[in-house]
Amino acid sequence: MKKWQDKVMMILGFGFGFMLIPMLLDSLNGNTVNIITACLTSIALYITAYCMYTLDLKLSFTSNMFSASMWGILAILSFL
C-alpha cells in the first residue's frame, strides 16, 4: 500500500480539524452550528477513521479522529 497517500490524507485531515477552531471559539461565545450537521459529520468521520484504521493507515486514522472529535465538540456546544 502506498504510504504517501496516508501522509497527504493526514495533512488534509488535520487541516480540516484546525479550520474548525474559529467555529469552536464562536460556539463558546454563543453562536452555534446546526446540531444535526455537526452530529452527522462527526459520526461519518468516526466511521471513516475506523476504515482508515482497518486499512493500516494510522496517520489518516489519527487525523480523522481529530476532525471527528472537533465536530463532536461543536455538536455538544451547539446542544448546550
C-alpha atoms as a PDB file:
ATOM      1  CA  MET A   1       0.000   0.000   0.000  1.00  0.00           C
ATOM      2  CA  LYS A   2       1.236   3.462  -0.832  1.00  0.00           C
ATOM      3  CA  LYS A   3       2.170   5.426   2.264  1.00  0.00           C
ATOM      4  CA  TRP A   4       2.388   8.818   0.578  1.00  0.00           C
ATOM      5  CA  GLN A   5      -1.411   8.833   0.320  1.00  0.00           C
ATOM      6  CA  ASP A   6      -1.605   8.300   4.072  1.00  0.00           C
ATOM      7  CA  LYS A   7       0.573  11.356   4.655  1.00  0.00           C
ATOM      8  CA  VAL A   8      -1.454  13.526   2.273  1.00  0.00           C
ATOM      9  CA  MET A   9      -4.752  12.465   3.865  1.00  0.00           C
ATOM     10  CA  MET A  10      -3.265  13.111   7.314  1.00  0.00           C
ATOM     11  CA  ILE A  11      -2.237  16.655   6.393  1.00  0.00           C
ATOM     12  CA  LEU A  12      -5.678  17.387   4.936  1.00  0.00           C
ATOM     13  CA  GLY A  13      -7.485  15.792   7.892  1.00  0.00           C
ATOM     14  CA  PHE A  14      -5.594  17.846  10.446  1.00  0.00           C
ATOM     15  CA  GLY A  15      -6.069  20.933   8.263  1.00  0.00           C
ATOM     16  CA  PHE A  16      -9.836  20.435   8.257  1.00  0.00           C
ATOM     17  CA  GLY A  17      -9.771  19.924  12.015  1.00  0.00           C
ATOM     18  CA  PHE A  18      -7.737  23.040  12.724  1.00  0.00           C
ATOM     19  CA  MET A  19     -10.024  25.083  10.459  1.00  0.00           C
ATOM     20  CA  LEU A  20     -12.804  24.356  12.968  1.00  0.00           C
ATOM     21  CA  ILE A  21     -11.061  26.231  15.796  1.00  0.00           C
ATOM     22  CA  PRO A  22     -12.692  29.597  14.886  1.00  0.00           C
ATOM     23  CA  MET A  23     -16.093  27.856  14.854  1.00  0.00           C
ATOM     24  CA  LEU A  24     -15.350  26.398  18.284  1.00  0.00           C
ATOM     25  CA  LEU A  25     -14.445  29.833  19.603  1.00  0.00           C
ATOM     26  CA  ASP A  26     -17.652  31.269  18.123  1.00  0.00           C
ATOM     27  CA  SER A  27     -19.634  28.465  19.773  1.00  0.00           C
ATOM     28  CA  LEU A  28     -18.142  29.387  23.120  1.00  0.00           C
ATOM     29  CA  ASN A  29     -19.439  32.940  22.556  1.00  0.00           C
ATOM     30  CA  GLY A  30     -22.984  31.747  21.910  1.00  0.00           C
ATOM     31  CA  ASN A  31     -23.008  31.244  18.139  1.00  0.00           C
ATOM     32  CA  THR A  32     -23.946  27.685  17.271  1.00  0.00           C
ATOM     33  CA  VAL A  33     -23.862  25.449  14.243  1.00  0.00           C
ATOM     34  CA  ASN A  34     -26.630  23.140  13.103  1.00  0.00           C
ATOM     35  CA  ILE A  35     -26.535  20.286  15.609  1.00  0.00           C
ATOM     36  CA  ILE A  36     -27.747  17.695  13.089  1.00  0.00           C
ATOM     37  CA  THR A  37     -24.986  18.621  10.667  1.00  0.00           C
ATOM     38  CA  ALA A  38     -22.372  18.536  13.417  1.00  0.00           C
ATOM     39  CA  CYS A  39     -23.532  15.148  14.721  1.00  0.00           C
ATOM     40  CA  LEU A  40     -23.780  13.507  11.314  1.00  0.00           C
ATOM     41  CA  THR A  41     -20.388  14.863  10.236  1.00  0.00           C
ATOM     42  CA  SER A  42     -18.811  13.622  13.449  1.00  0.00           C
ATOM     43  CA  ILE A  43     -20.312  10.149  13.034  1.00  0.00           C
ATOM     44  CA  ALA A  44     -19.254   9.968   9.375  1.00  0.00           C
ATOM     45  CA  LEU A  45     -15.706  10.964  10.278  1.00  0.00           C
ATOM     46  CA  TYR A  46     -15.535   8.349  13.050  1.00  0.00           C
ATOM     47  CA  ILE A  47     -16.641   5.706  10.528  1.00  0.00           C
ATOM     48  CA  THR A  48     -14.042   6.968   8.054  1.00  0.00           C
ATOM     49  CA  ALA A  49     -11.412   6.845  10.795  1.00  0.00           C
ATOM     50  CA  TYR A  50     -12.293   3.232  11.522  1.00  0.00           C
ATOM     51  CA  CYS A  51     -11.957   2.405   7.814  1.00  0.00           C
ATOM     52  CA  MET A  52      -8.540   4.068   7.746  1.00  0.00           C
ATOM     53  CA  TYR A  53      -7.510   2.053  10.794  1.00  0.00           C
ATOM     54  CA  THR A  54      -8.544  -1.234   9.160  1.00  0.00           C
ATOM     55  CA  LEU A  55      -6.528  -0.265   6.066  1.00  0.00           C
ATOM     56  CA  ASP A  56      -3.477   0.254   8.322  1.00  0.00           C
ATOM     57  CA  LEU A  57      -3.390   3.979   7.537  1.00  0.00           C
ATOM     58  CA  LYS A  58      -2.524   5.111  11.060  1.00  0.00           C
ATOM     59  CA  LEU A  59      -1.764   8.733  10.188  1.00  0.00           C
ATOM     60  CA  SER A  60      -5.082   9.167   8.390  1.00  0.00           C
ATOM     61  CA  PHE A  61      -6.846   7.413  11.261  1.00  0.00           C
ATOM     62  CA  THR A  62      -5.352   9.890  13.727  1.00  0.00           C
ATOM     63  CA  SER A  63      -6.274  12.957  11.694  1.00  0.00           C
ATOM     64  CA  ASN A  64      -9.822  11.715  11.082  1.00  0.00           C
ATOM     65  CA  MET A  65     -10.261  11.052  14.796  1.00  0.00           C
ATOM     66  CA  PHE A  66      -9.091  14.618  15.471  1.00  0.00           C
ATOM     67  CA  SER A  67     -11.533  16.119  12.974  1.00  0.00           C
ATOM     68  CA  ALA A  68     -14.374  13.892  14.205  1.00  0.00           C
ATOM     69  CA  SER A  69     -13.694  14.972  17.773  1.00  0.00           C
ATOM     70  CA  MET A  70     -13.705  18.645  16.771  1.00  0.00           C
ATOM     71  CA  TRP A  71     -17.117  18.192  15.102  1.00  0.00           C
ATOM     72  CA  GLY A  72     -18.302  16.293  18.170  1.00  0.00           C
ATOM     73  CA  ILE A  73     -17.281  19.164  20.426  1.00  0.00           C
ATOM     74  CA  LEU A  74     -19.126  21.557  18.113  1.00  0.00           C
ATOM     75  CA  ALA A  75     -22.234  19.375  18.380  1.00  0.00           C
ATOM     76  CA  ILE A  76     -22.014  19.378  22.168  1.00  0.00           C
ATOM     77  CA  LEU A  77     -21.532  23.142  22.316  1.00  0.00           C
ATOM     78  CA  SER A  78     -24.482  23.641  19.973  1.00  0.00           C
ATOM     79  CA  PHE A  79     -26.641  21.488  22.223  1.00  0.00           C
ATOM     80  CA  LEU A  80     -25.766  23.385  25.408  1.00  0.00           C
END
